[in-house]
Amino acid sequence: MNILVIHGPNLNLLGMREPTVYGTTTLAEIDRLIEQKANSIGAAVRIKQYSSEGDIVDEIHRAIGWAAGIVINPAAYTHYSIAIRDALAATGLPVVEVHLSNISARESFRQISVISGVAKGVLSGLGAHGYVYAIDYLSQTCAVS
């Protein structure tokens, strides 16, 4: 089973960026957790981080025919990127949206996700563990699909 994991803009700064909101775990540490989980269940993961909306859309398109599911933390694009939403919907793949912080407890503009409507589920506020749970969910869901 192949799973695409996409990290959105500014997530490359994890560990130093607003640690009271996002914690001190770095993106490299999160990627290691994802890879460990994938290895433990026999899945292959492609992990990418992009700041550009177009690069994210292109990566989603490349998942067609390769991935069984997508885990995405669209970061700031969560709140307004119809292009990313439409790309995810176009793949027909199951999607899990992940957020390190609880976006429902954040500023009002962060509480709206245009991505959630095309996601099978949303994990928000669980820190790096959200990615691990998303991989686990997709491995179980895609295996029985």
C-alpha atoms as a PDB file:
ATOM      1  CA  MET A   1       0.000   0.000   0.000  1.00  0.00           C
ATOM      2  CA  ASN A   2       1.253   3.468  -0.938  1.00  0.00           C
ATOM      3  CA  ILE A   3       0.334   6.591   1.011  1.00  0.00           C
ATOM      4  CA  LEU A   4       1.151  10.180   0.097  1.00  0.00           C
ATOM      5  CA  VAL A   5       1.812  12.578   2.986  1.00  0.00           C
ATOM      6  CA  ILE A   6       1.856  16.298   2.253  1.00  0.00           C
ATOM      7  CA  HIS A   7       2.973  19.018   4.653  1.00  0.00           C
ATOM      8  CA  GLY A   8       1.928  22.558   3.731  1.00  0.00           C
ATOM      9  CA  PRO A   9       3.633  25.928   4.048  1.00  0.00           C
ATOM     10  CA  ASN A  10       5.737  26.881   7.069  1.00  0.00           C
ATOM     11  CA  LEU A  11       5.735  23.346   8.462  1.00  0.00           C
ATOM     12  CA  ASN A  12       9.421  23.166   7.550  1.00  0.00           C
ATOM     13  CA  LEU A  13       9.896  25.597  10.468  1.00  0.00           C
ATOM     14  CA  LEU A  14       8.410  23.264  13.078  1.00  0.00           C
ATOM     15  CA  GLY A  15      10.420  23.085  16.266  1.00  0.00           C
ATOM     16  CA  MET A  16      11.194  26.800  16.182  1.00  0.00           C
ATOM     17  CA  ARG A  17       7.915  28.245  14.911  1.00  0.00           C
ATOM     18  CA  GLU A  18       5.506  29.213  17.680  1.00  0.00           C
ATOM     19  CA  PRO A  19       6.347  26.274  19.960  1.00  0.00           C
ATOM     20  CA  THR A  20       3.493  27.148  22.323  1.00  0.00           C
ATOM     21  CA  VAL A  21       1.092  26.448  19.447  1.00  0.00           C
ATOM     22  CA  TYR A  22       2.865  23.770  17.403  1.00  0.00           C
ATOM     23  CA  GLY A  23       5.201  22.174  19.935  1.00  0.00           C
ATOM     24  CA  THR A  24       8.922  21.581  19.671  1.00  0.00           C
ATOM     25  CA  THR A  25       8.847  18.519  17.435  1.00  0.00           C
ATOM     26  CA  THR A  26      10.629  19.179  14.143  1.00  0.00           C
ATOM     27  CA  LEU A  27       9.337  18.194  10.718  1.00  0.00           C
ATOM     28  CA  ALA A  28      12.183  15.689  10.406  1.00  0.00           C
ATOM     29  CA  GLU A  29      11.042  14.046  13.656  1.00  0.00           C
ATOM     30  CA  ILE A  30       7.443  13.903  12.399  1.00  0.00           C
ATOM     31  CA  ASP A  31       8.629  12.362   9.141  1.00  0.00           C
ATOM     32  CA  ARG A  32      10.527   9.691  11.101  1.00  0.00           C
ATOM     33  CA  LEU A  33       7.352   8.866  13.075  1.00  0.00           C
ATOM     34  CA  ILE A  34       5.408   8.576   9.817  1.00  0.00           C
ATOM     35  CA  GLU A  35       8.060   6.332   8.264  1.00  0.00           C
ATOM     36  CA  GLN A  36       8.201   4.126  11.384  1.00  0.00           C
ATOM     37  CA  LYS A  37       4.421   3.698  11.353  1.00  0.00           C
ATOM     38  CA  ALA A  38       4.393   2.959   7.634  1.00  0.00           C
ATOM     39  CA  ASN A  39       7.178   0.390   8.005  1.00  0.00           C
ATOM     40  CA  SER A  40       5.368  -1.297  10.887  1.00  0.00           C
ATOM     41  CA  ILE A  41       2.281  -1.887   8.728  1.00  0.00           C
ATOM     42  CA  GLY A  42       4.092  -2.664   5.478  1.00  0.00           C
ATOM     43  CA  ALA A  43       3.110   0.563   3.723  1.00  0.00           C
ATOM     44  CA  ALA A  44       5.247   2.792   1.529  1.00  0.00           C
ATOM     45  CA  VAL A  45       5.024   6.537   2.096  1.00  0.00           C
ATOM     46  CA  ARG A  46       6.025   9.462  -0.055  1.00  0.00           C
ATOM     47  CA  ILE A  47       6.461  12.492   2.214  1.00  0.00           C
ATOM     48  CA  LYS A  48       6.622  15.985   0.734  1.00  0.00           C
ATOM     49  CA  GLN A  49       6.616  19.525   2.137  1.00  0.00           C
ATOM     50  CA  TYR A  50       5.719  22.459  -0.078  1.00  0.00           C
ATOM     51  CA  SER A  51       5.173  26.131   0.513  1.00  0.00           C
ATOM     52  CA  SER A  52       3.674  26.685  -2.936  1.00  0.00           C
ATOM     53  CA  GLU A  53       0.008  25.906  -3.553  1.00  0.00           C
ATOM     54  CA  GLY A  54       0.733  24.848  -7.135  1.00  0.00           C
ATOM     55  CA  ASP A  55       3.398  22.384  -6.009  1.00  0.00           C
ATOM     56  CA  ILE A  56       0.905  20.812  -3.600  1.00  0.00           C
ATOM     57  CA  VAL A  57      -1.695  20.490  -6.374  1.00  0.00           C
ATOM     58  CA  ASP A  58       0.891  18.921  -8.705  1.00  0.00           C
ATOM     59  CA  GLU A  59       1.918  16.411  -6.008  1.00  0.00           C
ATOM     60  CA  ILE A  60      -1.710  15.456  -5.416  1.00  0.00           C
ATOM     61  CA  HIS A  61      -2.093  14.836  -9.164  1.00  0.00           C
ATOM     62  CA  ARG A  62       0.994  12.584  -9.117  1.00  0.00           C
ATOM     63  CA  ALA A  63      -0.710  10.426  -6.473  1.00  0.00           C
ATOM     64  CA  ILE A  64      -3.221   9.189  -9.048  1.00  0.00           C
ATOM     65  CA  GLY A  65      -2.346   5.621  -9.956  1.00  0.00           C
ATOM     66  CA  TRP A  66       0.270   5.365  -7.210  1.00  0.00           C
ATOM     67  CA  ALA A  67      -1.296   6.107  -3.818  1.00  0.00           C
ATOM     68  CA  ALA A  68      -4.086   4.308  -2.008  1.00  0.00           C
ATOM     69  CA  GLY A  69      -4.697   7.359   0.175  1.00  0.00           C
ATOM     70  CA  ILE A  70      -3.484  10.838   1.083  1.00  0.00           C
ATOM     71  CA  VAL A  71      -2.636  12.423   4.422  1.00  0.00           C
ATOM     72  CA  ILE A  72      -2.434  16.197   4.191  1.00  0.00           C
ATOM     73  CA  ASN A  73      -1.727  19.049   6.546  1.00  0.00           C
ATOM     74  CA  PRO A  74      -2.565  21.948   4.243  1.00  0.00           C
ATOM     75  CA  ALA A  75      -1.515  24.445   6.947  1.00  0.00           C
ATOM     76  CA  ALA A  76      -2.629  27.971   6.012  1.00  0.00           C
ATOM     77  CA  TYR A  77      -4.093  26.692   2.728  1.00  0.00           C
ATOM     78  CA  THR A  78      -6.701  24.874   4.834  1.00  0.00           C
ATOM     79  CA  HIS A  79      -8.811  27.975   5.046  1.00  0.00           C
ATOM     80  CA  TYR A  80      -9.027  29.088   1.431  1.00  0.00           C
ATOM     81  CA  SER A  81      -7.406  26.798  -1.139  1.00  0.00           C
ATOM     82  CA  ILE A  82     -10.170  25.634  -3.415  1.00  0.00           C
ATOM     83  CA  ALA A  83      -7.425  24.471  -5.807  1.00  0.00           C
ATOM     84  CA  ILE A  84      -6.087  21.969  -3.248  1.00  0.00           C
ATOM     85  CA  ARG A  85      -9.611  20.913  -2.301  1.00  0.00           C
ATOM     86  CA  ASP A  86     -10.510  20.304  -5.946  1.00  0.00           C
ATOM     87  CA  ALA A  87      -7.285  18.379  -6.608  1.00  0.00           C
ATOM     88  CA  LEU A  88      -7.973  16.101  -3.632  1.00  0.00           C
ATOM     89  CA  ALA A  89     -11.553  15.518  -4.772  1.00  0.00           C
ATOM     90  CA  ALA A  90     -10.421  14.800  -8.335  1.00  0.00           C
ATOM     91  CA  THR A  91      -8.170  11.923  -7.257  1.00  0.00           C
ATOM     92  CA  GLY A  92     -11.042   9.925  -5.804  1.00  0.00           C
ATOM     93  CA  LEU A  93      -8.629   8.767  -3.095  1.00  0.00           C
ATOM     94  CA  PRO A  94      -9.455   8.709   0.606  1.00  0.00           C
ATOM     95  CA  VAL A  95      -7.979  11.762   2.333  1.00  0.00           C
ATOM     96  CA  VAL A  96      -7.249  12.428   5.985  1.00  0.00           C
ATOM     97  CA  GLU A  97      -6.701  16.064   6.952  1.00  0.00           C
ATOM     98  CA  VAL A  98      -4.256  16.580   9.820  1.00  0.00           C
ATOM     99  CA  HIS A  99      -3.512  19.636  11.952  1.00  0.00           C
ATOM    100  CA  LEU A 100      -0.981  19.776  14.767  1.00  0.00           C
ATOM    101  CA  SER A 101      -2.987  22.342  16.708  1.00  0.00           C
ATOM    102  CA  ASN A 102      -6.708  22.316  17.396  1.00  0.00           C
ATOM    103  CA  ILE A 103      -7.928  24.657  14.676  1.00  0.00           C
ATOM    104  CA  SER A 104     -11.366  24.848  16.307  1.00  0.00           C
ATOM    105  CA  ALA A 105      -9.784  26.508  19.334  1.00  0.00           C
ATOM    106  CA  ARG A 106      -7.738  28.988  17.305  1.00  0.00           C
ATOM    107  CA  GLU A 107      -8.527  32.362  15.726  1.00  0.00           C
ATOM    108  CA  SER A 108     -11.870  32.501  13.934  1.00  0.00           C
ATOM    109  CA  PHE A 109     -10.285  32.598  10.467  1.00  0.00           C
ATOM    110  CA  ARG A 110      -8.436  29.339  11.268  1.00  0.00           C
ATOM    111  CA  GLN A 111     -11.597  27.513  12.304  1.00  0.00           C
ATOM    112  CA  ILE A 112     -12.855  27.104   8.742  1.00  0.00           C
ATOM    113  CA  SER A 113     -11.509  24.351   6.511  1.00  0.00           C
ATOM    114  CA  VAL A 114     -12.401  24.154   2.836  1.00  0.00           C
ATOM    115  CA  ILE A 115     -10.529  20.825   2.744  1.00  0.00           C
ATOM    116  CA  SER A 116     -12.625  18.959   5.340  1.00  0.00           C
ATOM    117  CA  GLY A 117     -15.546  18.495   2.981  1.00  0.00           C
ATOM    118  CA  VAL A 118     -13.521  16.126   0.786  1.00  0.00           C
ATOM    119  CA  ALA A 119     -11.735  14.337   3.641  1.00  0.00           C
ATOM    120  CA  LYS A 120     -12.756  11.018   5.171  1.00  0.00           C
ATOM    121  CA  GLY A 121     -11.675  12.429   8.501  1.00  0.00           C
ATOM    122  CA  VAL A 122      -9.904  15.265  10.276  1.00  0.00           C
ATOM    123  CA  LEU A 123      -7.382  14.931  13.077  1.00  0.00           C
ATOM    124  CA  SER A 124      -6.798  18.229  14.819  1.00  0.00           C
ATOM    125  CA  GLY A 125      -4.908  19.103  17.981  1.00  0.00           C
ATOM    126  CA  LEU A 126      -3.144  15.782  18.474  1.00  0.00           C
ATOM    127  CA  GLY A 127       0.298  17.030  17.497  1.00  0.00           C
ATOM    128  CA  ALA A 128       2.541  14.678  15.550  1.00  0.00           C
ATOM    129  CA  HIS A 129       0.413  11.715  16.634  1.00  0.00           C
ATOM    130  CA  GLY A 130      -2.303  12.870  14.229  1.00  0.00           C
ATOM    131  CA  TYR A 131      -0.150  11.793  11.291  1.00  0.00           C
ATOM    132  CA  VAL A 132       0.419   8.353  12.823  1.00  0.00           C
ATOM    133  CA  TYR A 133      -3.310   7.884  13.435  1.00  0.00           C
ATOM    134  CA  ALA A 134      -4.048   9.007   9.873  1.00  0.00           C
ATOM    135  CA  ILE A 135      -1.626   6.437   8.413  1.00  0.00           C
ATOM    136  CA  ASP A 136      -3.151   3.745  10.620  1.00  0.00           C
ATOM    137  CA  TYR A 137      -6.680   4.716   9.544  1.00  0.00           C
ATOM    138  CA  LEU A 138      -5.824   4.660   5.842  1.00  0.00           C
ATOM    139  CA  SER A 139      -4.052   1.330   6.153  1.00  0.00           C
ATOM    140  CA  GLN A 140      -7.164  -0.219   7.673  1.00  0.00           C
ATOM    141  CA  THR A 141      -9.657   1.538   5.425  1.00  0.00           C
ATOM    142  CA  CYS A 142      -7.818   1.015   2.142  1.00  0.00           C
ATOM    143  CA  ALA A 143      -7.095  -2.621   2.990  1.00  0.00           C
ATOM    144  CA  VAL A 144     -10.821  -3.390   3.164  1.00  0.00           C
ATOM    145  CA  SER A 145     -11.892  -1.175   0.250  1.00  0.00           C
END
